[in-house]
Amino acid sequence: MQETVYPSLAIIVPVHNEEENIHIFYDAVKKNLTAEGLLSLPDAFKHLKYDFWYIDDGSIDRTLLEIKQLQLKDSSVHFVSFSRNFGKEAAIYAGLTYAKKYDYVVLMDVDLQDPPALLPKMLGKLANEQLDSVATRRLDRKGEKPLISFFSNLFYEFISKISSTKLVSGARDYRIMSRQMVKAVLSMPENQRFSKGLFTWIGFRTEYISYKNVQRKKGQTKWSFWKLFKYAISALISFSTVPLTLVTVLGFLTTLLAVVGGIFVIVRKLLDPAIAIGGWTTITVIIMFFGGLQMFSLGVVGRYISAIFLESKRRPIYVEKESK
């Protein structure tokens, strides 16, 4: 008699200095993936086999020790520890690399802003509607700093307009993906990563579940305004060449304006040789304006060149120190 093969799920959890949330997250997920919690799913999913993969992104507190303590009492807990902090994108890539043999993979934040209570619903939607991925999006940003909320919304609107890759406003990294989709993501080992964009760019059938924003359980967010700003710039560079086009258009328009202005001054002097050409203040302002425009344009071009430079080095996305 042939043995029944049940689907497997890898729960990828990037962590950085999250010692207070390790056990809380583990307990919350276990509570929602009990046999009772999976009753509404197809028969195969009622016996779902799942493992935790904590990706320790160079934590300097007791995060790794807490994971190891958890591992002593549950063999389904695994970890990968980096030699230093490489960032969440590197942690996501490492997690997907280790989880590529599972049937399904789910990405979750350890601070419980990705509600574990949604897991059964996401799994059911994935199984019943024959999807490749079920993702989540926040309906609001209640509890966030107003400045960060404003610029985050602005970023999603802007990048969706200038890029062929359309991002869903409020989209989270919290999503379940099939093995095929995970392999597609891993086939793009680029250094400058923006996972939300990559998930959308590769295609596959994806549907979103919306939920109201949830406050982090414990600890402080690791995302400052400056880190979010740099992340947004990296995303723009990775998924759009429109900034380069704008620089080209600006260069053409300013050159045209300078030519027209030069012709006007020459013609005016030829028609009336006695006229004195003054306006030193105006000239100074114009020079400063165009000088600033040139520096801005060089900055945009330089950012693309720096991305090419970083990719050309072929450095690893992360350096592993320990795993189990």
C-alpha atoms as a PDB file:
ATOM      1  CA  MET A   1       0.000   0.000   0.000  1.00  0.00           C
ATOM      2  CA  GLN A   2       1.426   3.346  -1.077  1.00  0.00           C
ATOM      3  CA  GLU A   3       2.185   5.761   1.749  1.00  0.00           C
ATOM      4  CA  THR A   4       0.306   9.074   1.665  1.00  0.00           C
ATOM      5  CA  VAL A   5       2.606  12.054   1.086  1.00  0.00           C
ATOM      6  CA  TYR A   6       1.471  15.188   2.881  1.00  0.00           C
ATOM      7  CA  PRO A   7       2.459  18.695   1.792  1.00  0.00           C
ATOM      8  CA  SER A   8       5.345  20.410   3.571  1.00  0.00           C
ATOM      9  CA  LEU A   9       5.619  24.054   4.581  1.00  0.00           C
ATOM     10  CA  ALA A  10       8.692  26.095   5.505  1.00  0.00           C
ATOM     11  CA  ILE A  11       8.058  29.133   7.698  1.00  0.00           C
ATOM     12  CA  ILE A  12      10.801  31.665   6.935  1.00  0.00           C
ATOM     13  CA  VAL A  13      11.334  34.223   9.704  1.00  0.00           C
ATOM     14  CA  PRO A  14      14.036  36.914   9.271  1.00  0.00           C
ATOM     15  CA  VAL A  15      15.120  38.208  12.700  1.00  0.00           C
ATOM     16  CA  HIS A  16      17.487  40.915  13.911  1.00  0.00           C
ATOM     17  CA  ASN A  17      17.742  41.652  17.641  1.00  0.00           C
ATOM     18  CA  GLU A  18      14.317  40.147  18.373  1.00  0.00           C
ATOM     19  CA  GLU A  19      15.027  38.104  21.499  1.00  0.00           C
ATOM     20  CA  GLU A  20      11.698  39.051  23.099  1.00  0.00           C
ATOM     21  CA  ASN A  21       9.592  37.832  20.159  1.00  0.00           C
ATOM     22  CA  ILE A  22      11.162  34.457  19.290  1.00  0.00           C
ATOM     23  CA  HIS A  23       9.079  32.296  21.663  1.00  0.00           C
ATOM     24  CA  ILE A  24       5.955  34.476  21.356  1.00  0.00           C
ATOM     25  CA  PHE A  25       5.962  34.093  17.576  1.00  0.00           C
ATOM     26  CA  TYR A  26       6.587  30.344  17.775  1.00  0.00           C
ATOM     27  CA  ASP A  27       3.673  29.831  20.178  1.00  0.00           C
ATOM     28  CA  ALA A  28       1.317  31.956  18.061  1.00  0.00           C
ATOM     29  CA  VAL A  29       2.073  30.027  14.875  1.00  0.00           C
ATOM     30  CA  LYS A  30       1.763  26.626  16.586  1.00  0.00           C
ATOM     31  CA  LYS A  31      -1.602  27.686  17.997  1.00  0.00           C
ATOM     32  CA  ASN A  32      -2.952  28.477  14.519  1.00  0.00           C
ATOM     33  CA  LEU A  33      -1.529  25.392  12.784  1.00  0.00           C
ATOM     34  CA  THR A  34      -3.093  22.850  15.109  1.00  0.00           C
ATOM     35  CA  ALA A  35      -5.304  20.064  13.757  1.00  0.00           C
ATOM     36  CA  GLU A  36      -8.377  22.066  14.815  1.00  0.00           C
ATOM     37  CA  GLY A  37      -7.133  25.139  12.999  1.00  0.00           C
ATOM     38  CA  LEU A  38      -6.670  23.172   9.771  1.00  0.00           C
ATOM     39  CA  LEU A  39     -10.034  21.360   9.826  1.00  0.00           C
ATOM     40  CA  SER A  40     -11.519  23.461   7.037  1.00  0.00           C
ATOM     41  CA  LEU A  41      -8.643  22.678   4.653  1.00  0.00           C
ATOM     42  CA  PRO A  42      -8.508  19.831   2.099  1.00  0.00           C
ATOM     43  CA  ASP A  43      -7.610  16.444   3.577  1.00  0.00           C
ATOM     44  CA  ALA A  44      -3.940  16.588   2.576  1.00  0.00           C
ATOM     45  CA  PHE A  45      -3.456  19.929   4.356  1.00  0.00           C
ATOM     46  CA  LYS A  46      -5.000  18.628   7.571  1.00  0.00           C
ATOM     47  CA  HIS A  47      -1.763  16.713   8.109  1.00  0.00           C
ATOM     48  CA  LEU A  48       0.519  19.540   6.983  1.00  0.00           C
ATOM     49  CA  LYS A  49       4.168  19.091   7.924  1.00  0.00           C
ATOM     50  CA  TYR A  50       5.887  22.373   8.711  1.00  0.00           C
ATOM     51  CA  ASP A  51       9.286  23.604   9.883  1.00  0.00           C
ATOM     52  CA  PHE A  52      10.440  26.922  11.295  1.00  0.00           C
ATOM     53  CA  TRP A  53      13.481  28.554   9.685  1.00  0.00           C
ATOM     54  CA  TYR A  54      14.700  31.520  11.710  1.00  0.00           C
ATOM     55  CA  ILE A  55      17.211  33.586   9.728  1.00  0.00           C
ATOM     56  CA  ASP A  56      19.354  35.458  12.252  1.00  0.00           C
ATOM     57  CA  ASP A  57      20.564  38.589  10.473  1.00  0.00           C
ATOM     58  CA  GLY A  58      23.636  39.276  12.606  1.00  0.00           C
ATOM     59  CA  SER A  59      21.830  39.866  15.913  1.00  0.00           C
ATOM     60  CA  ILE A  60      23.945  41.147  18.826  1.00  0.00           C
ATOM     61  CA  ASP A  61      21.469  40.325  21.603  1.00  0.00           C
ATOM     62  CA  ARG A  62      20.180  36.919  22.798  1.00  0.00           C
ATOM     63  CA  THR A  63      18.166  36.216  19.637  1.00  0.00           C
ATOM     64  CA  LEU A  64      20.278  33.267  18.505  1.00  0.00           C
ATOM     65  CA  LEU A  65      20.398  31.797  22.014  1.00  0.00           C
ATOM     66  CA  GLU A  66      16.605  31.969  22.251  1.00  0.00           C
ATOM     67  CA  ILE A  67      16.310  30.151  18.909  1.00  0.00           C
ATOM     68  CA  LYS A  68      18.718  27.435  20.064  1.00  0.00           C
ATOM     69  CA  GLN A  69      16.737  26.969  23.290  1.00  0.00           C
ATOM     70  CA  LEU A  70      13.598  26.565  21.221  1.00  0.00           C
ATOM     71  CA  GLN A  71      15.372  24.057  19.006  1.00  0.00           C
ATOM     72  CA  LEU A  72      16.170  21.847  22.006  1.00  0.00           C
ATOM     73  CA  LYS A  73      12.483  21.161  22.591  1.00  0.00           C
ATOM     74  CA  ASP A  74      11.286  21.083  18.965  1.00  0.00           C
ATOM     75  CA  SER A  75      13.183  19.426  16.124  1.00  0.00           C
ATOM     76  CA  SER A  76      11.096  21.337  13.562  1.00  0.00           C
ATOM     77  CA  VAL A  77      12.958  24.540  14.499  1.00  0.00           C
ATOM     78  CA  HIS A  78      15.989  25.397  12.367  1.00  0.00           C
ATOM     79  CA  PHE A  79      18.155  28.478  11.980  1.00  0.00           C
ATOM     80  CA  VAL A  80      20.705  30.166   9.765  1.00  0.00           C
ATOM     81  CA  SER A  81      22.978  32.748  11.382  1.00  0.00           C
ATOM     82  CA  PHE A  82      24.829  35.453   9.410  1.00  0.00           C
ATOM     83  CA  SER A  83      28.345  36.654  10.173  1.00  0.00           C
ATOM     84  CA  ARG A  84      26.990  40.228  10.365  1.00  0.00           C
ATOM     85  CA  ASN A  85      23.886  42.240   9.553  1.00  0.00           C
ATOM     86  CA  PHE A  86      23.235  41.929   5.799  1.00  0.00           C
ATOM     87  CA  GLY A  87      19.652  43.228   5.816  1.00  0.00           C
ATOM     88  CA  LYS A  88      16.200  41.728   5.525  1.00  0.00           C
ATOM     89  CA  GLU A  89      16.452  41.139   1.769  1.00  0.00           C
ATOM     90  CA  ALA A  90      19.508  38.928   2.274  1.00  0.00           C
ATOM     91  CA  ALA A  91      17.680  37.078   5.060  1.00  0.00           C
ATOM     92  CA  ILE A  92      14.695  36.428   2.787  1.00  0.00           C
ATOM     93  CA  TYR A  93      16.990  35.096   0.056  1.00  0.00           C
ATOM     94  CA  ALA A  94      18.803  32.811   2.523  1.00  0.00           C
ATOM     95  CA  GLY A  95      15.505  31.489   3.850  1.00  0.00           C
ATOM     96  CA  LEU A  96      14.201  30.728   0.378  1.00  0.00           C
ATOM     97  CA  THR A  97      17.478  28.991  -0.464  1.00  0.00           C
ATOM     98  CA  TYR A  98      17.150  26.623   2.490  1.00  0.00           C
ATOM     99  CA  ALA A  99      13.429  26.084   1.883  1.00  0.00           C
ATOM    100  CA  LYS A 100      13.474  25.365  -1.845  1.00  0.00           C
ATOM    101  CA  LYS A 101      12.702  21.646  -1.346  1.00  0.00           C
ATOM    102  CA  TYR A 102       9.484  22.292   0.580  1.00  0.00           C
ATOM    103  CA  ASP A 103       6.158  22.231  -1.242  1.00  0.00           C
ATOM    104  CA  TYR A 104       5.247  25.656   0.107  1.00  0.00           C
ATOM    105  CA  VAL A 105       7.065  28.526   1.750  1.00  0.00           C
ATOM    106  CA  VAL A 106       5.649  31.334   3.856  1.00  0.00           C
ATOM    107  CA  LEU A 107       7.516  34.535   4.766  1.00  0.00           C
ATOM    108  CA  MET A 108       6.622  36.101   8.120  1.00  0.00           C
ATOM    109  CA  ASP A 109       7.875  38.843  10.443  1.00  0.00           C
ATOM    110  CA  VAL A 110       8.614  37.718  13.979  1.00  0.00           C
ATOM    111  CA  ASP A 111       7.017  40.810  15.587  1.00  0.00           C
ATOM    112  CA  LEU A 112       3.501  39.428  14.862  1.00  0.00           C
ATOM    113  CA  GLN A 113       2.618  42.302  12.535  1.00  0.00           C
ATOM    114  CA  ASP A 114       1.987  39.439  10.112  1.00  0.00           C
ATOM    115  CA  PRO A 115      -0.969  37.796  11.903  1.00  0.00           C
ATOM    116  CA  PRO A 116      -0.471  34.015  12.283  1.00  0.00           C
ATOM    117  CA  ALA A 117      -4.272  33.740  12.489  1.00  0.00           C
ATOM    118  CA  LEU A 118      -4.379  34.319   8.716  1.00  0.00           C
ATOM    119  CA  LEU A 119      -2.285  31.211   7.971  1.00  0.00           C
ATOM    120  CA  PRO A 120      -5.161  28.666   7.731  1.00  0.00           C
ATOM    121  CA  LYS A 121      -7.128  31.047   5.517  1.00  0.00           C
ATOM    122  CA  MET A 122      -4.115  31.593   3.253  1.00  0.00           C
ATOM    123  CA  LEU A 123      -3.445  27.865   2.995  1.00  0.00           C
ATOM    124  CA  GLY A 124      -7.095  27.184   2.204  1.00  0.00           C
ATOM    125  CA  LYS A 125      -7.157  29.816  -0.504  1.00  0.00           C
ATOM    126  CA  LEU A 126      -3.955  28.416  -1.987  1.00  0.00           C
ATOM    127  CA  ALA A 127      -5.310  24.866  -2.062  1.00  0.00           C
ATOM    128  CA  ASN A 128      -8.907  25.501  -3.128  1.00  0.00           C
ATOM    129  CA  GLU A 129      -8.312  28.128  -5.814  1.00  0.00           C
ATOM    130  CA  GLN A 130      -5.204  26.525  -7.353  1.00  0.00           C
ATOM    131  CA  LEU A 131      -3.037  29.600  -6.861  1.00  0.00           C
ATOM    132  CA  ASP A 132       0.748  29.882  -6.907  1.00  0.00           C
ATOM    133  CA  SER A 133       0.823  32.434  -4.133  1.00  0.00           C
ATOM    134  CA  VAL A 134      -1.393  34.063  -1.524  1.00  0.00           C
ATOM    135  CA  ALA A 135      -0.071  37.408  -0.331  1.00  0.00           C
ATOM    136  CA  THR A 136      -1.256  39.990   2.186  1.00  0.00           C
ATOM    137  CA  ARG A 137      -1.729  43.745   2.238  1.00  0.00           C
ATOM    138  CA  ARG A 138      -2.526  46.209   4.995  1.00  0.00           C
ATOM    139  CA  LEU A 139      -5.682  48.275   4.687  1.00  0.00           C
ATOM    140  CA  ASP A 140      -4.228  51.068   6.824  1.00  0.00           C
ATOM    141  CA  ARG A 141      -1.053  52.137   8.596  1.00  0.00           C
ATOM    142  CA  LYS A 142      -2.596  52.906  11.968  1.00  0.00           C
ATOM    143  CA  GLY A 143       0.096  53.247  14.617  1.00  0.00           C
ATOM    144  CA  GLU A 144       2.885  54.215  12.219  1.00  0.00           C
ATOM    145  CA  LYS A 145       4.563  57.608  12.258  1.00  0.00           C
ATOM    146  CA  PRO A 146       2.571  59.958   9.960  1.00  0.00           C
ATOM    147  CA  LEU A 147       5.683  60.972   7.998  1.00  0.00           C
ATOM    148  CA  ILE A 148       6.642  57.360   7.254  1.00  0.00           C
ATOM    149  CA  SER A 149       3.050  56.493   6.302  1.00  0.00           C
ATOM    150  CA  PHE A 150       2.820  59.456   3.925  1.00  0.00           C
ATOM    151  CA  PHE A 151       6.058  58.696   2.102  1.00  0.00           C
ATOM    152  CA  SER A 152       5.336  54.943   1.988  1.00  0.00           C
ATOM    153  CA  ASN A 153       2.013  55.541   0.243  1.00  0.00           C
ATOM    154  CA  LEU A 154       3.682  58.050  -2.073  1.00  0.00           C
ATOM    155  CA  PHE A 155       6.390  55.526  -2.934  1.00  0.00           C
ATOM    156  CA  TYR A 156       3.910  52.794  -3.937  1.00  0.00           C
ATOM    157  CA  GLU A 157       1.964  55.214  -6.139  1.00  0.00           C
ATOM    158  CA  PHE A 158       5.105  56.593  -7.757  1.00  0.00           C
ATOM    159  CA  ILE A 159       6.866  53.293  -8.511  1.00  0.00           C
ATOM    160  CA  SER A 160       3.669  51.780  -9.922  1.00  0.00           C
ATOM    161  CA  LYS A 161       3.430  54.690 -12.377  1.00  0.00           C
ATOM    162  CA  ILE A 162       7.048  54.688 -13.559  1.00  0.00           C
ATOM    163  CA  SER A 163       7.620  50.920 -13.606  1.00  0.00           C
ATOM    164  CA  SER A 164       6.131  48.096 -15.653  1.00  0.00           C
ATOM    165  CA  THR A 165       6.039  46.119 -12.395  1.00  0.00           C
ATOM    166  CA  LYS A 166       2.878  47.191 -10.590  1.00  0.00           C
ATOM    167  CA  LEU A 167       3.034  46.978  -6.814  1.00  0.00           C
ATOM    168  CA  VAL A 168      -0.019  46.591  -4.619  1.00  0.00           C
ATOM    169  CA  SER A 169      -0.283  49.438  -2.116  1.00  0.00           C
ATOM    170  CA  GLY A 170       0.214  48.203   1.440  1.00  0.00           C
ATOM    171  CA  ALA A 171       1.646  44.865   0.273  1.00  0.00           C
ATOM    172  CA  ARG A 172       3.609  42.932   2.876  1.00  0.00           C
ATOM    173  CA  ASP A 173       6.366  40.358   2.531  1.00  0.00           C
ATOM    174  CA  TYR A 174       3.926  38.016   4.315  1.00  0.00           C
ATOM    175  CA  ARG A 175       2.952  35.515   1.621  1.00  0.00           C
ATOM    176  CA  ILE A 176       2.769  31.799   0.884  1.00  0.00           C
ATOM    177  CA  MET A 177       4.433  30.612  -2.317  1.00  0.00           C
ATOM    178  CA  SER A 178       4.604  27.344  -4.201  1.00  0.00           C
ATOM    179  CA  ARG A 179       7.901  25.553  -4.762  1.00  0.00           C
ATOM    180  CA  GLN A 180       7.839  26.578  -8.427  1.00  0.00           C
ATOM    181  CA  MET A 181       7.514  30.246  -7.529  1.00  0.00           C
ATOM    182  CA  VAL A 182      10.327  30.026  -4.964  1.00  0.00           C
ATOM    183  CA  LYS A 183      12.630  28.508  -7.590  1.00  0.00           C
ATOM    184  CA  ALA A 184      11.773  31.383  -9.935  1.00  0.00           C
ATOM    185  CA  VAL A 185      12.744  33.937  -7.266  1.00  0.00           C
ATOM    186  CA  LEU A 186      16.002  32.112  -6.543  1.00  0.00           C
ATOM    187  CA  SER A 187      16.854  32.107 -10.257  1.00  0.00           C
ATOM    188  CA  MET A 188      17.501  35.863  -9.879  1.00  0.00           C
ATOM    189  CA  PRO A 189      20.574  36.065  -7.605  1.00  0.00           C
ATOM    190  CA  GLU A 190      20.960  39.825  -7.989  1.00  0.00           C
ATOM    191  CA  ASN A 191      22.671  41.760  -5.211  1.00  0.00           C
ATOM    192  CA  GLN A 192      20.384  44.805  -5.218  1.00  0.00           C
ATOM    193  CA  ARG A 193      17.188  43.071  -4.167  1.00  0.00           C
ATOM    194  CA  PHE A 194      13.644  44.330  -3.715  1.00  0.00           C
ATOM    195  CA  SER A 195      11.576  41.228  -3.011  1.00  0.00           C
ATOM    196  CA  LYS A 196       8.138  42.790  -3.367  1.00  0.00           C
ATOM    197  CA  GLY A 197       9.090  43.822  -6.881  1.00  0.00           C
ATOM    198  CA  LEU A 198      10.634  40.437  -7.689  1.00  0.00           C
ATOM    199  CA  PHE A 199       7.542  38.573  -6.482  1.00  0.00           C
ATOM    200  CA  THR A 200       5.417  40.665  -8.830  1.00  0.00           C
ATOM    201  CA  TRP A 201       7.842  40.642 -11.771  1.00  0.00           C
ATOM    202  CA  ILE A 202       8.052  36.826 -12.052  1.00  0.00           C
ATOM    203  CA  GLY A 203       4.284  36.584 -12.460  1.00  0.00           C
ATOM    204  CA  PHE A 204       2.385  33.465 -11.273  1.00  0.00           C
ATOM    205  CA  ARG A 205      -1.190  33.497 -10.030  1.00  0.00           C
ATOM    206  CA  THR A 206      -1.329  35.550  -6.855  1.00  0.00           C
ATOM    207  CA  GLU A 207      -4.240  36.822  -4.799  1.00  0.00           C
ATOM    208  CA  TYR A 208      -4.179  39.181  -1.825  1.00  0.00           C
ATOM    209  CA  ILE A 209      -5.843  39.016   1.571  1.00  0.00           C
ATOM    210  CA  SER A 210      -6.380  42.388   3.237  1.00  0.00           C
ATOM    211  CA  TYR A 211      -6.220  43.053   6.959  1.00  0.00           C
ATOM    212  CA  LYS A 212      -6.042  45.995   9.335  1.00  0.00           C
ATOM    213  CA  ASN A 213      -2.617  47.014  10.568  1.00  0.00           C
ATOM    214  CA  VAL A 214      -1.341  45.206  13.655  1.00  0.00           C
ATOM    215  CA  GLN A 215       1.122  46.732  16.118  1.00  0.00           C
ATOM    216  CA  ARG A 216       4.380  44.898  16.769  1.00  0.00           C
ATOM    217  CA  LYS A 217       4.226  42.699  19.866  1.00  0.00           C
ATOM    218  CA  LYS A 218       7.442  43.728  21.593  1.00  0.00           C
ATOM    219  CA  GLY A 219      10.603  45.677  20.882  1.00  0.00           C
ATOM    220  CA  GLN A 220      11.249  48.513  18.467  1.00  0.00           C
ATOM    221  CA  THR A 221      11.150  48.548  14.677  1.00  0.00           C
ATOM    222  CA  LYS A 222      14.536  48.357  12.947  1.00  0.00           C
ATOM    223  CA  TRP A 223      13.325  50.492  10.035  1.00  0.00           C
ATOM    224  CA  SER A 224      14.265  54.164  10.442  1.00  0.00           C
ATOM    225  CA  PHE A 225      13.159  56.809   7.948  1.00  0.00           C
ATOM    226  CA  TRP A 226      16.664  56.893   6.438  1.00  0.00           C
ATOM    227  CA  LYS A 227      16.756  53.090   5.985  1.00  0.00           C
ATOM    228  CA  LEU A 228      13.329  53.157   4.337  1.00  0.00           C
ATOM    229  CA  PHE A 229      14.460  56.003   2.070  1.00  0.00           C
ATOM    230  CA  LYS A 230      17.549  54.085   0.909  1.00  0.00           C
ATOM    231  CA  TYR A 231      15.414  50.976   0.398  1.00  0.00           C
ATOM    232  CA  ALA A 232      12.975  52.975  -1.738  1.00  0.00           C
ATOM    233  CA  ILE A 233      15.794  54.394  -3.883  1.00  0.00           C
ATOM    234  CA  SER A 234      17.189  50.887  -4.394  1.00  0.00           C
ATOM    235  CA  ALA A 235      13.731  49.696  -5.463  1.00  0.00           C
ATOM    236  CA  LEU A 236      13.340  52.543  -7.959  1.00  0.00           C
ATOM    237  CA  ILE A 237      16.733  51.848  -9.493  1.00  0.00           C
ATOM    238  CA  SER A 238      16.043  48.101  -9.688  1.00  0.00           C
ATOM    239  CA  PHE A 239      12.656  48.323 -11.381  1.00  0.00           C
ATOM    240  CA  SER A 240      12.626  51.476 -13.486  1.00  0.00           C
ATOM    241  CA  THR A 241      14.820  53.376 -15.943  1.00  0.00           C
ATOM    242  CA  VAL A 242      12.433  56.334 -15.965  1.00  0.00           C
ATOM    243  CA  PRO A 243      14.787  58.478 -13.797  1.00  0.00           C
ATOM    244  CA  LEU A 244      17.442  58.173 -16.529  1.00  0.00           C
ATOM    245  CA  THR A 245      14.863  59.183 -19.133  1.00  0.00           C
ATOM    246  CA  LEU A 246      13.868  62.208 -17.052  1.00  0.00           C
ATOM    247  CA  VAL A 247      17.513  63.263 -16.772  1.00  0.00           C
ATOM    248  CA  THR A 248      17.835  63.040 -20.562  1.00  0.00           C
ATOM    249  CA  VAL A 249      14.695  65.125 -21.092  1.00  0.00           C
ATOM    250  CA  LEU A 250      15.829  67.707 -18.536  1.00  0.00           C
ATOM    251  CA  GLY A 251      19.205  67.928 -20.242  1.00  0.00           C
ATOM    252  CA  PHE A 252      17.565  68.459 -23.635  1.00  0.00           C
ATOM    253  CA  LEU A 253      15.152  71.137 -22.340  1.00  0.00           C
ATOM    254  CA  THR A 254      17.819  73.093 -20.462  1.00  0.00           C
ATOM    255  CA  THR A 255      20.130  73.001 -23.487  1.00  0.00           C
ATOM    256  CA  LEU A 256      17.292  74.214 -25.709  1.00  0.00           C
ATOM    257  CA  LEU A 257      16.501  76.997 -23.237  1.00  0.00           C
ATOM    258  CA  ALA A 258      20.167  78.055 -23.135  1.00  0.00           C
ATOM    259  CA  VAL A 259      20.347  78.168 -26.970  1.00  0.00           C
ATOM    260  CA  VAL A 260      17.158  80.241 -27.220  1.00  0.00           C
ATOM    261  CA  GLY A 261      18.430  82.630 -24.536  1.00  0.00           C
ATOM    262  CA  GLY A 262      21.797  82.965 -26.265  1.00  0.00           C
ATOM    263  CA  ILE A 263      20.168  83.731 -29.636  1.00  0.00           C
ATOM    264  CA  PHE A 264      17.921  86.332 -27.982  1.00  0.00           C
ATOM    265  CA  VAL A 265      20.912  88.144 -26.401  1.00  0.00           C
ATOM    266  CA  ILE A 266      22.925  88.117 -29.663  1.00  0.00           C
ATOM    267  CA  VAL A 267      20.036  89.339 -31.814  1.00  0.00           C
ATOM    268  CA  ARG A 268      19.220  92.075 -29.299  1.00  0.00           C
ATOM    269  CA  LYS A 269      22.848  93.275 -29.285  1.00  0.00           C
ATOM    270  CA  LEU A 270      23.019  93.262 -33.107  1.00  0.00           C
ATOM    271  CA  LEU A 271      19.811  95.291 -33.431  1.00  0.00           C
ATOM    272  CA  ASP A 272      20.947  97.847 -30.867  1.00  0.00           C
ATOM    273  CA  PRO A 273      24.746  97.897 -30.426  1.00  0.00           C
ATOM    274  CA  ALA A 274      24.475 100.694 -27.864  1.00  0.00           C
ATOM    275  CA  ILE A 275      22.493  98.595 -25.414  1.00  0.00           C
ATOM    276  CA  ALA A 276      24.351  97.478 -22.315  1.00  0.00           C
ATOM    277  CA  ILE A 277      23.934  93.864 -21.408  1.00  0.00           C
ATOM    278  CA  GLY A 278      23.685  93.655 -17.618  1.00  0.00           C
ATOM    279  CA  GLY A 279      21.987  91.226 -15.255  1.00  0.00           C
ATOM    280  CA  TRP A 280      24.906  89.774 -13.349  1.00  0.00           C
ATOM    281  CA  THR A 281      22.631  88.703 -10.511  1.00  0.00           C
ATOM    282  CA  THR A 282      20.337  86.926 -12.952  1.00  0.00           C
ATOM    283  CA  ILE A 283      23.278  85.207 -14.595  1.00  0.00           C
ATOM    284  CA  THR A 284      24.619  84.042 -11.211  1.00  0.00           C
ATOM    285  CA  VAL A 285      21.238  82.598 -10.242  1.00  0.00           C
ATOM    286  CA  ILE A 286      20.916  80.838 -13.599  1.00  0.00           C
ATOM    287  CA  ILE A 287      24.403  79.364 -13.320  1.00  0.00           C
ATOM    288  CA  MET A 288      23.680  78.109  -9.794  1.00  0.00           C
ATOM    289  CA  PHE A 289      20.357  76.634 -10.925  1.00  0.00           C
ATOM    290  CA  PHE A 290      21.823  74.760 -13.871  1.00  0.00           C
ATOM    291  CA  GLY A 291      24.847  73.728 -11.824  1.00  0.00           C
ATOM    292  CA  GLY A 292      22.508  72.194  -9.243  1.00  0.00           C
ATOM    293  CA  LEU A 293      20.515  70.504 -12.006  1.00  0.00           C
ATOM    294  CA  GLN A 294      23.685  69.010 -13.437  1.00  0.00           C
ATOM    295  CA  MET A 295      24.765  67.708 -10.024  1.00  0.00           C
ATOM    296  CA  PHE A 296      21.323  66.186  -9.483  1.00  0.00           C
ATOM    297  CA  SER A 297      21.480  64.507 -12.896  1.00  0.00           C
ATOM    298  CA  LEU A 298      24.950  63.161 -12.173  1.00  0.00           C
ATOM    299  CA  GLY A 299      23.635  61.809  -8.877  1.00  0.00           C
ATOM    300  CA  VAL A 300      20.850  59.886 -10.633  1.00  0.00           C
ATOM    301  CA  VAL A 301      23.228  58.464 -13.236  1.00  0.00           C
ATOM    302  CA  GLY A 302      25.778  57.728 -10.512  1.00  0.00           C
ATOM    303  CA  ARG A 303      23.214  55.703  -8.569  1.00  0.00           C
ATOM    304  CA  TYR A 304      22.647  53.453 -11.577  1.00  0.00           C
ATOM    305  CA  ILE A 305      26.399  53.123 -12.090  1.00  0.00           C
ATOM    306  CA  SER A 306      26.873  52.189  -8.428  1.00  0.00           C
ATOM    307  CA  ALA A 307      24.230  49.454  -8.828  1.00  0.00           C
ATOM    308  CA  ILE A 308      26.130  48.105 -11.847  1.00  0.00           C
ATOM    309  CA  PHE A 309      29.388  48.311  -9.875  1.00  0.00           C
ATOM    310  CA  LEU A 310      27.983  46.344  -6.939  1.00  0.00           C
ATOM    311  CA  GLU A 311      26.485  43.683  -9.201  1.00  0.00           C
ATOM    312  CA  SER A 312      29.725  43.311 -11.188  1.00  0.00           C
ATOM    313  CA  LYS A 313      31.684  42.334  -8.054  1.00  0.00           C
ATOM    314  CA  ARG A 314      29.575  39.165  -7.731  1.00  0.00           C
ATOM    315  CA  ARG A 315      29.867  39.207  -3.952  1.00  0.00           C
ATOM    316  CA  PRO A 316      27.594  36.782  -2.069  1.00  0.00           C
ATOM    317  CA  ILE A 317      24.253  38.169  -0.899  1.00  0.00           C
ATOM    318  CA  TYR A 318      25.042  36.973   2.633  1.00  0.00           C
ATOM    319  CA  VAL A 319      27.797  35.175   4.555  1.00  0.00           C
ATOM    320  CA  GLU A 320      26.657  32.288   6.720  1.00  0.00           C
ATOM    321  CA  LYS A 321      28.304  31.805  10.092  1.00  0.00           C
ATOM    322  CA  GLU A 322      26.267  28.907  11.464  1.00  0.00           C
ATOM    323  CA  SER A 323      23.178  26.854  10.620  1.00  0.00           C
ATOM    324  CA  LYS A 324      21.305  23.873  11.944  1.00  0.00           C
END
